[in-house]
C-alpha atoms as a PDB file:
ATOM      1  CA  MET A   1     -24.969 208.395 199.428  1.00  0.00           C
ATOM      2  CA  GLU A   2     -21.823 206.521 200.526  1.00  0.00           C
ATOM      3  CA  THR A   3     -19.753 208.071 197.736  1.00  0.00           C
ATOM      4  CA  LEU A   4     -21.071 211.531 198.537  1.00  0.00           C
ATOM      5  CA  LEU A   5     -20.176 211.114 202.208  1.00  0.00           C
ATOM      6  CA  ARG A   6     -16.684 209.852 201.341  1.00  0.00           C
ATOM      7  CA  LEU A   7     -16.089 212.833 199.016  1.00  0.00           C
ATOM      8  CA  LEU A   8     -17.298 215.303 201.645  1.00  0.00           C
ATOM      9  CA  GLN A   9     -15.050 213.689 204.262  1.00  0.00           C
ATOM     10  CA  GLN A  10     -12.045 213.953 201.932  1.00  0.00           C
ATOM     11  CA  ASP A  11     -12.669 217.638 201.140  1.00  0.00           C
ATOM     12  CA  CYS A  12     -15.870 219.373 202.111  1.00  0.00           C
ATOM     13  CA  THR A  13     -14.725 222.515 200.294  1.00  0.00           C
ATOM     14  CA  THR A  14     -15.086 220.853 196.884  1.00  0.00           C
ATOM     15  CA  PRO A  15     -17.427 223.064 194.864  1.00  0.00           C
ATOM     16  CA  ARG A  16     -20.947 221.646 194.775  1.00  0.00           C
ATOM     17  CA  GLU A  17     -21.000 221.789 190.974  1.00  0.00           C
ATOM     18  CA  GLU A  18     -17.910 219.565 190.867  1.00  0.00           C
ATOM     19  CA  LEU A  19     -19.437 217.130 193.374  1.00  0.00           C
ATOM     20  CA  ALA A  20     -22.623 216.951 191.320  1.00  0.00           C
ATOM     21  CA  GLN A  21     -20.603 216.118 188.179  1.00  0.00           C
ATOM     22  CA  LEU A  22     -18.551 213.465 189.983  1.00  0.00           C
ATOM     23  CA  LEU A  23     -21.754 211.819 191.206  1.00  0.00           C
ATOM     24  CA  ASN A  24     -23.707 212.233 187.960  1.00  0.00           C
ATOM     25  CA  LEU A  25     -26.330 214.314 189.766  1.00  0.00           C
ATOM     26  CA  SER A  26     -27.945 217.630 189.008  1.00  0.00           C
ATOM     27  CA  PRO A  27     -26.994 220.452 191.414  1.00  0.00           C
ATOM     28  CA  ASP A  28     -30.556 220.343 192.780  1.00  0.00           C
ATOM     29  CA  GLU A  29     -30.366 216.589 193.417  1.00  0.00           C
ATOM     30  CA  LEU A  30     -27.025 217.042 195.190  1.00  0.00           C
ATOM     31  CA  HIS A  31     -28.402 219.880 197.305  1.00  0.00           C
ATOM     32  CA  THR A  32     -31.398 217.729 198.285  1.00  0.00           C
ATOM     33  CA  GLN A  33     -29.182 214.774 199.261  1.00  0.00           C
ATOM     34  CA  ILE A  34     -26.876 216.949 201.381  1.00  0.00           C
ATOM     35  CA  ALA A  35     -29.825 218.723 203.029  1.00  0.00           C
ATOM     36  CA  THR A  36     -31.415 215.355 203.858  1.00  0.00           C
ATOM     37  CA  LEU A  37     -28.168 214.025 205.362  1.00  0.00           C
ATOM     38  CA  GLU A  38     -27.824 217.175 207.468  1.00  0.00           C
ATOM     39  CA  LYS A  39     -31.471 217.094 208.601  1.00  0.00           C
ATOM     40  CA  GLU A  40     -31.223 213.390 209.570  1.00  0.00           C
ATOM     41  CA  GLY A  41     -28.078 214.101 211.607  1.00  0.00           C
ATOM     42  CA  VAL A  42     -25.839 211.925 209.435  1.00  0.00           C
ATOM     43  CA  ILE A  43     -23.703 214.980 208.646  1.00  0.00           C
ATOM     44  CA  ARG A  44     -23.034 216.692 211.978  1.00  0.00           C
ATOM     45  CA  GLY A  45     -20.730 219.452 210.753  1.00  0.00           C
ATOM     46  CA  TYR A  46     -17.828 220.394 208.526  1.00  0.00           C
ATOM     47  CA  GLN A  47     -14.301 220.875 209.856  1.00  0.00           C
ATOM     48  CA  ALA A  48     -10.821 221.747 208.741  1.00  0.00           C
ATOM     49  CA  ILE A  49      -8.028 219.354 209.682  1.00  0.00           C
ATOM     50  CA  VAL A  50      -5.437 221.494 211.439  1.00  0.00           C
ATOM     51  CA  ASP A  51      -1.777 220.551 211.888  1.00  0.00           C
ATOM     52  CA  LYS A  52      -1.401 222.024 215.370  1.00  0.00           C
ATOM     53  CA  GLU A  53       2.391 221.629 215.306  1.00  0.00           C
ATOM     54  CA  ARG A  54       2.546 224.313 212.622  1.00  0.00           C
ATOM     55  CA  LEU A  55       0.683 226.825 214.766  1.00  0.00           C
ATOM     56  CA  ASP A  56       2.659 229.228 216.916  1.00  0.00           C
ATOM     57  CA  ARG A  57       0.978 228.219 220.155  1.00  0.00           C
ATOM     58  CA  ASN A  58       1.315 225.460 222.667  1.00  0.00           C
ATOM     59  CA  THR A  59      -1.416 222.876 222.847  1.00  0.00           C
ATOM     60  CA  VAL A  60      -1.467 219.545 224.591  1.00  0.00           C
ATOM     61  CA  THR A  61      -3.617 216.602 223.567  1.00  0.00           C
ATOM     62  CA  ALA A  62      -4.243 213.722 225.934  1.00  0.00           C
ATOM     63  CA  LEU A  63      -6.024 210.417 225.438  1.00  0.00           C
ATOM     64  CA  ILE A  64      -7.610 209.381 228.700  1.00  0.00           C
ATOM     65  CA  GLU A  65      -8.774 205.852 229.411  1.00  0.00           C
ATOM     66  CA  VAL A  66     -11.734 206.039 231.785  1.00  0.00           C
ATOM     67  CA  ARG A  67     -13.303 203.166 233.712  1.00  0.00           C
ATOM     68  CA  ILE A  68     -16.804 203.942 234.912  1.00  0.00           C
ATOM     69  CA  THR A  69     -19.660 202.290 236.744  1.00  0.00           C
ATOM     70  CA  PRO A  70     -22.686 202.089 234.437  1.00  0.00           C
ATOM     71  CA  GLU A  71     -25.810 203.767 235.791  1.00  0.00           C
ATOM     72  CA  ARG A  72     -29.035 201.867 236.362  1.00  0.00           C
ATOM     73  CA  GLY A  73     -31.405 202.715 233.513  1.00  0.00           C
ATOM     74  CA  GLY A  74     -28.817 204.782 231.667  1.00  0.00           C
ATOM     75  CA  GLY A  75     -25.884 202.438 231.261  1.00  0.00           C
ATOM     76  CA  PHE A  76     -22.794 204.246 230.021  1.00  0.00           C
ATOM     77  CA  ASP A  77     -24.684 206.833 227.972  1.00  0.00           C
ATOM     78  CA  ARG A  78     -25.627 209.342 230.656  1.00  0.00           C
ATOM     79  CA  ILE A  79     -22.133 209.636 232.162  1.00  0.00           C
ATOM     80  CA  ALA A  80     -20.487 209.609 228.722  1.00  0.00           C
ATOM     81  CA  GLU A  81     -22.738 212.444 227.567  1.00  0.00           C
ATOM     82  CA  ARG A  82     -21.932 214.396 230.734  1.00  0.00           C
ATOM     83  CA  ILE A  83     -18.190 213.969 230.161  1.00  0.00           C
ATOM     84  CA  ALA A  84     -18.527 214.871 226.467  1.00  0.00           C
ATOM     85  CA  LYS A  85     -20.084 218.237 227.378  1.00  0.00           C
ATOM     86  CA  PHE A  86     -16.911 219.530 229.067  1.00  0.00           C
ATOM     87  CA  ASP A  87     -15.251 222.232 226.948  1.00  0.00           C
ATOM     88  CA  GLN A  88     -11.853 220.520 227.219  1.00  0.00           C
ATOM     89  CA  VAL A  89     -13.173 217.293 225.660  1.00  0.00           C
ATOM     90  CA  ALA A  90     -12.541 217.074 221.914  1.00  0.00           C
ATOM     91  CA  SER A  91     -13.879 213.511 221.506  1.00  0.00           C
ATOM     92  CA  CYS A  92     -15.427 210.817 223.668  1.00  0.00           C
ATOM     93  CA  TYR A  93     -15.886 207.162 222.663  1.00  0.00           C
ATOM     94  CA  LEU A  94     -17.382 204.066 224.301  1.00  0.00           C
ATOM     95  CA  MET A  95     -14.741 201.335 223.999  1.00  0.00           C
ATOM     96  CA  SER A  96     -14.401 197.595 224.343  1.00  0.00           C
ATOM     97  CA  GLY A  97     -11.531 196.109 226.317  1.00  0.00           C
ATOM     98  CA  GLY A  98      -9.911 197.127 229.576  1.00  0.00           C
ATOM     99  CA  TYR A  99     -11.633 200.475 229.958  1.00  0.00           C
ATOM    100  CA  ASP A 100     -15.011 201.947 229.103  1.00  0.00           C
ATOM    101  CA  LEU A 101     -14.440 205.403 227.595  1.00  0.00           C
ATOM    102  CA  MET A 102     -11.658 206.966 225.557  1.00  0.00           C
ATOM    103  CA  VAL A 103     -11.732 210.709 226.174  1.00  0.00           C
ATOM    104  CA  VAL A 104      -9.598 213.020 224.026  1.00  0.00           C
ATOM    105  CA  VAL A 105      -8.804 216.242 225.866  1.00  0.00           C
ATOM    106  CA  GLU A 106      -7.076 219.374 224.602  1.00  0.00           C
ATOM    107  CA  GLY A 107      -5.481 222.015 226.780  1.00  0.00           C
ATOM    108  CA  GLY A 108      -2.887 224.760 226.802  1.00  0.00           C
ATOM    109  CA  SER A 109      -0.427 222.888 229.021  1.00  0.00           C
ATOM    110  CA  LEU A 110       0.200 219.598 230.814  1.00  0.00           C
ATOM    111  CA  ARG A 111      -0.888 221.298 234.034  1.00  0.00           C
ATOM    112  CA  GLU A 112      -4.197 222.361 232.453  1.00  0.00           C
ATOM    113  CA  VAL A 113      -4.965 218.810 231.304  1.00  0.00           C
ATOM    114  CA  ALA A 114      -3.907 217.388 234.677  1.00  0.00           C
ATOM    115  CA  SER A 115      -6.165 219.899 236.408  1.00  0.00           C
ATOM    116  CA  PHE A 116      -9.107 218.819 234.235  1.00  0.00           C
ATOM    117  CA  VAL A 117      -8.501 215.155 235.080  1.00  0.00           C
ATOM    118  CA  THR A 118      -8.071 215.686 238.830  1.00  0.00           C
ATOM    119  CA  GLU A 119     -10.693 218.365 239.421  1.00  0.00           C
ATOM    120  CA  LYS A 120     -13.448 217.541 236.929  1.00  0.00           C
ATOM    121  CA  LEU A 121     -13.174 214.070 235.404  1.00  0.00           C
ATOM    122  CA  SER A 122     -11.955 211.989 238.357  1.00  0.00           C
ATOM    123  CA  THR A 123     -14.387 213.601 240.761  1.00  0.00           C
ATOM    124  CA  LEU A 124     -17.465 212.378 238.882  1.00  0.00           C
ATOM    125  CA  GLU A 125     -19.293 209.809 240.981  1.00  0.00           C
ATOM    126  CA  SER A 126     -19.341 207.081 238.285  1.00  0.00           C
ATOM    127  CA  VAL A 127     -15.626 207.353 237.429  1.00  0.00           C
ATOM    128  CA  ILE A 128     -13.637 204.442 238.882  1.00  0.00           C
ATOM    129  CA  SER A 129     -10.219 205.233 237.405  1.00  0.00           C
ATOM    130  CA  THR A 130      -8.384 207.098 234.664  1.00  0.00           C
ATOM    131  CA  ALA A 131      -5.125 206.621 232.770  1.00  0.00           C
ATOM    132  CA  THR A 132      -3.796 209.600 230.830  1.00  0.00           C
ATOM    133  CA  HIS A 133      -1.584 209.323 227.753  1.00  0.00           C
ATOM    134  CA  PHE A 134      -0.152 212.463 226.148  1.00  0.00           C
ATOM    135  CA  ARG A 135       0.090 212.730 222.374  1.00  0.00           C
ATOM    136  CA  LEU A 136       3.655 213.431 221.317  1.00  0.00           C
ATOM    137  CA  LYS A 137       3.237 213.830 217.580  1.00  0.00           C
ATOM    138  CA  ALA A 138       0.463 213.351 215.016  1.00  0.00           C
ATOM    139  CA  TYR A 139       1.225 211.617 211.717  1.00  0.00           C
ATOM    140  CA  LYS A 140      -2.315 211.259 210.374  1.00  0.00           C
ATOM    141  CA  VAL A 141      -5.563 212.904 211.495  1.00  0.00           C
ATOM    142  CA  ASN A 142      -8.996 211.921 210.146  1.00  0.00           C
ATOM    143  CA  GLY A 143      -7.459 210.496 206.982  1.00  0.00           C
ATOM    144  CA  ALA A 144      -5.089 213.421 206.291  1.00  0.00           C
ATOM    145  CA  LEU A 145      -1.356 212.766 206.414  1.00  0.00           C
ATOM    146  CA  LEU A 146       0.520 215.382 208.406  1.00  0.00           C
ATOM    147  CA  VAL A 147       4.032 214.156 207.630  1.00  0.00           C
ATOM    148  CA  SER A 148       6.176 216.433 205.546  1.00  0.00           C
ATOM    149  CA  ASP A 149       7.414 215.481 202.094  1.00  0.00           C
ATOM    150  CA  THR A 150      10.681 217.372 202.646  1.00  0.00           C
ATOM    151  CA  PRO A 151      13.805 215.239 202.923  1.00  0.00           C
ATOM    152  CA  ASP A 152      15.395 214.646 206.313  1.00  0.00           C
ATOM    153  CA  GLU A 153      18.143 217.241 206.784  1.00  0.00           C
ATOM    154  CA  ARG A 154      19.947 215.434 209.605  1.00  0.00           C
ATOM    155  CA  LEU A 155      23.505 214.343 209.015  1.00  0.00           C
ATOM    156  CA  PRO A 156      24.072 210.598 208.771  1.00  0.00           C
ATOM    157  CA  VAL A 157      25.750 208.979 211.755  1.00  0.00           C
ATOM    158  CA  SER A 158      28.662 206.703 210.993  1.00  0.00           C
ATOM    159  CA  PRO A 159      30.766 204.573 213.340  1.00  0.00           C
END
């Protein structure tokens, strides 16, 4: 199962026949394994890794450190699940260290992200504080390198 999951994470568009051969499984056995993983919630979905800098539209990604007060009987889970349901939230993680949640937010502009933080996130009763960091450039996303193999075309600087 581990090898199957790794192969699907690397490229979920690999033809099933090819996956079955790589894993020494029959197509039916492979189908059963994938169906079981999906039914058990191990596989939650399939996604393309998109290099947003190559798109002709402006997007802003922010990583927001959130300190929260845990709820009695629910701990961090209830508030984290509430935050995760916002449309602007791409990812939400419980963290160790100086803050409790890492929330990844995507928006069309800095103002849009700031508006989300000030009007929606910070106003939640359990939220103590936030610290927002804006992503400047992505080099690797979910295991895929986004750096170009083309040589640097800048002129060398000499004294």
